[in-house]
């Protein structure tokens, strides 16, 4: 989904998108129906912090 946003939505100062520069022509309006149908991506999970090993306790 993020690649689609980059290629078809984000525009440079000259008004072109990455897809327009790659294909050499303007693209159709195929992005809007895709957004209407696709759900938003899920939020990334948070990682649990591991407790550092107790090195001094093992030596004694």
PDB file of N, CA and C in Angstrom:
ATOM      1  N   UNK A   1       0.822  -1.187   0.000  1.00  0.00           N
ATOM      2  CA  UNK A   1       0.000   0.000   0.000  1.00  0.00           C
ATOM      3  C   UNK A   1       0.871   1.258   0.000  1.00  0.00           C
ATOM      4  N   UNK A   2       1.963   1.220   0.764  1.00  0.00           N
ATOM      5  CA  UNK A   2       2.834   2.393   0.826  1.00  0.00           C
ATOM      6  C   UNK A   2       3.525   2.629  -0.515  1.00  0.00           C
ATOM      7  N   UNK A   3       3.824   1.559  -1.247  1.00  0.00           N
ATOM      8  CA  UNK A   3       4.431   1.712  -2.564  1.00  0.00           C
ATOM      9  C   UNK A   3       3.461   2.383  -3.518  1.00  0.00           C
ATOM     10  N   UNK A   4       2.189   2.028  -3.431  1.00  0.00           N
ATOM     11  CA  UNK A   4       1.173   2.654  -4.276  1.00  0.00           C
ATOM     12  C   UNK A   4       1.085   4.140  -3.967  1.00  0.00           C
ATOM     13  N   UNK A   5       1.098   4.481  -2.694  1.00  0.00           N
ATOM     14  CA  UNK A   5       1.076   5.901  -2.317  1.00  0.00           C
ATOM     15  C   UNK A   5       2.263   6.636  -2.913  1.00  0.00           C
ATOM     16  N   UNK A   6       3.434   6.041  -2.795  1.00  0.00           N
ATOM     17  CA  UNK A   6       4.634   6.689  -3.316  1.00  0.00           C
ATOM     18  C   UNK A   6       4.571   6.851  -4.827  1.00  0.00           C
ATOM     19  N   UNK A   7       4.162   5.811  -5.527  1.00  0.00           N
ATOM     20  CA  UNK A   7       4.212   5.839  -6.985  1.00  0.00           C
ATOM     21  C   UNK A   7       3.096   6.657  -7.632  1.00  0.00           C
ATOM     22  N   UNK A   8       1.931   6.721  -7.011  1.00  0.00           N
ATOM     23  CA  UNK A   8       0.784   7.332  -7.671  1.00  0.00           C
ATOM     24  C   UNK A   8       0.254   8.604  -7.016  1.00  0.00           C
ATOM     25  N   UNK A   9       0.651   8.913  -5.800  1.00  0.00           N
ATOM     26  CA  UNK A   9       0.075  10.064  -5.107  1.00  0.00           C
ATOM     27  C   UNK A   9       1.088  11.180  -4.884  1.00  0.00           C
ATOM     28  N   UNK A  10       2.261  10.832  -4.397  1.00  0.00           N
ATOM     29  CA  UNK A  10       3.256  11.853  -4.070  1.00  0.00           C
ATOM     30  C   UNK A  10       3.781  12.470  -5.359  1.00  0.00           C
ATOM     31  N   UNK A  11       3.721  13.798  -5.409  1.00  0.00           N
ATOM     32  CA  UNK A  11       4.131  14.515  -6.613  1.00  0.00           C
ATOM     33  C   UNK A  11       5.362  15.360  -6.354  1.00  0.00           C
ATOM     34  N   UNK A  12       6.196  15.488  -7.379  1.00  0.00           N
ATOM     35  CA  UNK A  12       7.356  16.369  -7.325  1.00  0.00           C
ATOM     36  C   UNK A  12       6.919  17.798  -7.571  1.00  0.00           C
ATOM     37  N   UNK A  13       7.872  18.717  -7.499  1.00  0.00           N
ATOM     38  CA  UNK A  13       7.573  20.124  -7.748  1.00  0.00           C
ATOM     39  C   UNK A  13       7.046  20.360  -9.161  1.00  0.00           C
ATOM     40  N   UNK A  14       7.459  19.509 -10.118  1.00  0.00           N
ATOM     41  CA  UNK A  14       6.971  19.682 -11.491  1.00  0.00           C
ATOM     42  C   UNK A  14       5.581  19.083 -11.701  1.00  0.00           C
ATOM     43  N   UNK A  15       4.996  18.475 -10.669  1.00  0.00           N
ATOM     44  CA  UNK A  15       3.633  17.954 -10.741  1.00  0.00           C
ATOM     45  C   UNK A  15       3.520  16.523 -11.215  1.00  0.00           C
ATOM     46  N   UNK A  16       4.636  15.825 -11.416  1.00  0.00           N
ATOM     47  CA  UNK A  16       4.580  14.440 -11.889  1.00  0.00           C
ATOM     48  C   UNK A  16       4.770  13.470 -10.735  1.00  0.00           C
ATOM     49  N   UNK A  17       4.207  12.274 -10.908  1.00  0.00           N
ATOM     50  CA  UNK A  17       4.392  11.204  -9.932  1.00  0.00           C
ATOM     51  C   UNK A  17       5.458  10.248 -10.442  1.00  0.00           C
ATOM     52  N   UNK A  18       5.913   9.350  -9.578  1.00  0.00           N
ATOM     53  CA  UNK A  18       6.914   8.367  -9.976  1.00  0.00           C
ATOM     54  C   UNK A  18       6.375   7.463 -11.090  1.00  0.00           C
ATOM     55  N   UNK A  19       5.100   7.104 -11.022  1.00  0.00           N
ATOM     56  CA  UNK A  19       4.502   6.243 -12.047  1.00  0.00           C
ATOM     57  C   UNK A  19       4.451   6.964 -13.394  1.00  0.00           C
ATOM     58  N   UNK A  20       4.136   8.241 -13.387  1.00  0.00           N
ATOM     59  CA  UNK A  20       4.101   9.010 -14.644  1.00  0.00           C
ATOM     60  C   UNK A  20       5.492   9.103 -15.264  1.00  0.00           C
ATOM     61  N   UNK A  21       6.494   9.287 -14.439  1.00  0.00           N
ATOM     62  CA  UNK A  21       7.859   9.354 -14.979  1.00  0.00           C
ATOM     63  C   UNK A  21       8.311   7.993 -15.487  1.00  0.00           C
ATOM     64  N   UNK A  22       7.931   6.922 -14.795  1.00  0.00           N
ATOM     65  CA  UNK A  22       8.339   5.583 -15.210  1.00  0.00           C
ATOM     66  C   UNK A  22       7.672   5.158 -16.513  1.00  0.00           C
ATOM     67  N   UNK A  23       6.344   5.346 -16.613  1.00  0.00           N
ATOM     68  CA  UNK A  23       5.603   4.901 -17.791  1.00  0.00           C
ATOM     69  C   UNK A  23       5.632   5.915 -18.928  1.00  0.00           C
ATOM     70  N   UNK A  24       6.012   7.152 -18.632  1.00  0.00           N
ATOM     71  CA  UNK A  24       6.099   8.161 -19.679  1.00  0.00           C
ATOM     72  C   UNK A  24       4.771   8.786 -20.054  1.00  0.00           C
ATOM     73  N   UNK A  25       3.743   8.562 -19.268  1.00  0.00           N
ATOM     74  CA  UNK A  25       2.429   9.162 -19.532  1.00  0.00           C
ATOM     75  C   UNK A  25       1.652   9.259 -18.236  1.00  0.00           C
ATOM     76  N   UNK A  26       0.567  10.045 -18.254  1.00  0.00           N
ATOM     77  CA  UNK A  26      -0.272  10.185 -17.062  1.00  0.00           C
ATOM     78  C   UNK A  26      -1.030   8.890 -16.813  1.00  0.00           C
ATOM     79  N   UNK A  27      -1.249   8.583 -15.557  1.00  0.00           N
ATOM     80  CA  UNK A  27      -1.992   7.375 -15.211  1.00  0.00           C
ATOM     81  C   UNK A  27      -3.461   7.718 -14.999  1.00  0.00           C
ATOM     82  N   UNK A  28      -4.298   6.698 -15.030  1.00  0.00           N
ATOM     83  CA  UNK A  28      -5.735   6.888 -14.829  1.00  0.00           C
ATOM     84  C   UNK A  28      -6.059   7.104 -13.362  1.00  0.00           C
ATOM     85  N   UNK A  29      -7.318   7.147 -13.070  1.00  0.00           N
ATOM     86  CA  UNK A  29      -7.761   7.359 -11.688  1.00  0.00           C
ATOM     87  C   UNK A  29      -8.053   6.019 -11.016  1.00  0.00           C
ATOM     88  N   UNK A  30      -7.144   5.076 -11.124  1.00  0.00           N
ATOM     89  CA  UNK A  30      -7.368   3.753 -10.560  1.00  0.00           C
ATOM     90  C   UNK A  30      -7.029   3.688  -9.073  1.00  0.00           C
ATOM     91  N   UNK A  31      -6.420   4.729  -8.527  1.00  0.00           N
ATOM     92  CA  UNK A  31      -6.023   4.689  -7.128  1.00  0.00           C
ATOM     93  C   UNK A  31      -7.200   4.928  -6.180  1.00  0.00           C
ATOM     94  N   UNK A  32      -8.096   5.826  -6.521  1.00  0.00           N
ATOM     95  CA  UNK A  32      -9.214   6.146  -5.633  1.00  0.00           C
ATOM     96  C   UNK A  32     -10.110   4.938  -5.352  1.00  0.00           C
ATOM     97  N   UNK A  33     -10.501   4.140  -6.343  1.00  0.00           N
ATOM     98  CA  UNK A  33     -11.301   2.946  -6.015  1.00  0.00           C
ATOM     99  C   UNK A  33     -10.543   1.950  -5.144  1.00  0.00           C
ATOM    100  N   UNK A  34      -9.237   1.875  -5.316  1.00  0.00           N
ATOM    101  CA  UNK A  34      -8.439   0.969  -4.496  1.00  0.00           C
ATOM    102  C   UNK A  34      -8.482   1.387  -3.030  1.00  0.00           C
ATOM    103  N   UNK A  35      -8.379   2.664  -2.770  1.00  0.00           N
ATOM    104  CA  UNK A  35      -8.434   3.162  -1.395  1.00  0.00           C
ATOM    105  C   UNK A  35      -9.808   2.934  -0.789  1.00  0.00           C
ATOM    106  N   UNK A  36     -10.845   3.050  -1.578  1.00  0.00           N
ATOM    107  CA  UNK A  36     -12.203   2.855  -1.066  1.00  0.00           C
ATOM    108  C   UNK A  36     -12.456   1.408  -0.664  1.00  0.00           C
ATOM    109  N   UNK A  37     -11.789   0.458  -1.303  1.00  0.00           N
ATOM    110  CA  UNK A  37     -12.029  -0.961  -1.057  1.00  0.00           C
ATOM    111  C   UNK A  37     -11.083  -1.534  -0.008  1.00  0.00           C
ATOM    112  N   UNK A  38      -9.818  -1.157  -0.049  1.00  0.00           N
ATOM    113  CA  UNK A  38      -8.809  -1.738   0.828  1.00  0.00           C
ATOM    114  C   UNK A  38      -8.881  -1.143   2.233  1.00  0.00           C
ATOM    115  N   UNK A  39      -8.766  -1.974   3.255  1.00  0.00           N
ATOM    116  CA  UNK A  39      -8.708  -1.437   4.617  1.00  0.00           C
ATOM    117  C   UNK A  39      -7.332  -0.829   4.885  1.00  0.00           C
ATOM    118  N   UNK A  40      -7.266   0.026   5.876  1.00  0.00           N
ATOM    119  CA  UNK A  40      -5.990   0.607   6.251  1.00  0.00           C
ATOM    120  C   UNK A  40      -5.091  -0.474   6.840  1.00  0.00           C
ATOM    121  N   UNK A  41      -3.782  -0.363   6.651  1.00  0.00           N
ATOM    122  CA  UNK A  41      -2.893  -1.373   7.229  1.00  0.00           C
ATOM    123  C   UNK A  41      -2.946  -1.348   8.755  1.00  0.00           C
ATOM    124  N   UNK A  42      -2.698  -2.500   9.350  1.00  0.00           N
ATOM    125  CA  UNK A  42      -2.726  -2.607  10.804  1.00  0.00           C
ATOM    126  C   UNK A  42      -1.534  -1.879  11.410  1.00  0.00           C
ATOM    127  N   UNK A  43      -1.699  -1.473  12.646  1.00  0.00           N
ATOM    128  CA  UNK A  43      -0.615  -0.803  13.357  1.00  0.00           C
ATOM    129  C   UNK A  43       0.472  -1.825  13.680  1.00  0.00           C
ATOM    130  N   UNK A  44       1.711  -1.409  13.557  1.00  0.00           N
ATOM    131  CA  UNK A  44       2.826  -2.300  13.850  1.00  0.00           C
ATOM    132  C   UNK A  44       2.830  -2.656  15.330  1.00  0.00           C
ATOM    133  N   UNK A  45       3.168  -3.891  15.623  1.00  0.00           N
ATOM    134  CA  UNK A  45       3.169  -4.306  17.020  1.00  0.00           C
ATOM    135  C   UNK A  45       4.387  -3.733  17.732  1.00  0.00           C
ATOM    136  N   UNK A  46       4.255  -3.547  19.015  1.00  0.00           N
ATOM    137  CA  UNK A  46       5.381  -3.060  19.801  1.00  0.00           C
ATOM    138  C   UNK A  46       6.152  -4.256  20.330  1.00  0.00           C
ATOM    139  N   UNK A  47       7.447  -4.141  20.317  1.00  0.00           N
ATOM    140  CA  UNK A  47       8.277  -5.241  20.792  1.00  0.00           C
ATOM    141  C   UNK A  47       8.463  -5.137  22.298  1.00  0.00           C
ATOM    142  N   UNK A  48       8.458  -6.280  22.917  1.00  0.00           N
ATOM    143  CA  UNK A  48       8.716  -6.322  24.351  1.00  0.00           C
ATOM    144  C   UNK A  48      10.212  -6.210  24.578  1.00  0.00           C
ATOM    145  N   UNK A  49      10.579  -5.467  25.600  1.00  0.00           N
ATOM    146  CA  UNK A  49      11.996  -5.363  25.940  1.00  0.00           C
ATOM    147  C   UNK A  49      12.402  -6.581  26.756  1.00  0.00           C
ATOM    148  N   UNK A  50      13.508  -7.163  26.349  1.00  0.00           N
ATOM    149  CA  UNK A  50      14.018  -8.304  27.098  1.00  0.00           C
ATOM    150  C   UNK A  50      14.808  -7.807  28.295  1.00  0.00           C
ATOM    151  N   UNK A  51      14.695  -8.546  29.363  1.00  0.00           N
ATOM    152  CA  UNK A  51      15.460  -8.217  30.549  1.00  0.00           C
ATOM    153  C   UNK A  51      16.911  -8.644  30.314  1.00  0.00           C
ATOM    154  N   UNK A  52      17.867  -7.745  30.545  1.00  0.00           N
ATOM    155  CA  UNK A  52      19.268  -8.125  30.306  1.00  0.00           C
ATOM    156  C   UNK A  52      19.692  -9.241  31.265  1.00  0.00           C
ATOM    157  N   UNK A  53      20.549 -10.139  30.786  1.00  0.00           N
ATOM    158  CA  UNK A  53      20.973 -11.227  31.663  1.00  0.00           C
ATOM    159  C   UNK A  53      21.798 -10.703  32.840  1.00  0.00           C
ATOM    160  N   UNK A  54      21.674 -11.367  33.947  1.00  0.00           N
ATOM    161  CA  UNK A  54      22.394 -10.968  35.143  1.00  0.00           C
ATOM    162  C   UNK A  54      23.743 -11.695  35.139  1.00  0.00           C
ATOM    163  N   UNK A  55      24.742 -11.063  34.593  1.00  0.00           N
ATOM    164  CA  UNK A  55      26.059 -11.699  34.439  1.00  0.00           C
ATOM    165  C   UNK A  55      26.781 -11.854  35.776  1.00  0.00           C
ATOM    166  N   UNK A  56      26.664 -10.900  36.640  1.00  0.00           N
ATOM    167  CA  UNK A  56      27.389 -10.970  37.912  1.00  0.00           C
ATOM    168  C   UNK A  56      26.807 -12.023  38.852  1.00  0.00           C
ATOM    169  N   UNK A  57      25.511 -12.251  38.803  1.00  0.00           N
ATOM    170  CA  UNK A  57      24.879 -13.230  39.666  1.00  0.00           C
ATOM    171  C   UNK A  57      25.299 -14.650  39.286  1.00  0.00           C
ATOM    172  N   UNK A  58      25.543 -14.900  38.018  1.00  0.00           N
ATOM    173  CA  UNK A  58      25.933 -16.233  37.553  1.00  0.00           C
ATOM    174  C   UNK A  58      27.379 -16.533  37.934  1.00  0.00           C
ATOM    175  N   UNK A  59      28.228 -15.527  38.071  1.00  0.00           N
ATOM    176  CA  UNK A  59      29.641 -15.739  38.387  1.00  0.00           C
ATOM    177  C   UNK A  59      29.863 -16.047  39.866  1.00  0.00           C
ATOM    178  N   UNK A  60      28.936 -15.654  40.727  1.00  0.00           N
ATOM    179  CA  UNK A  60      29.171 -15.771  42.167  1.00  0.00           C
ATOM    180  C   UNK A  60      28.686 -16.984  42.805  1.00  0.00           C
TER     181      UNK A  60
END
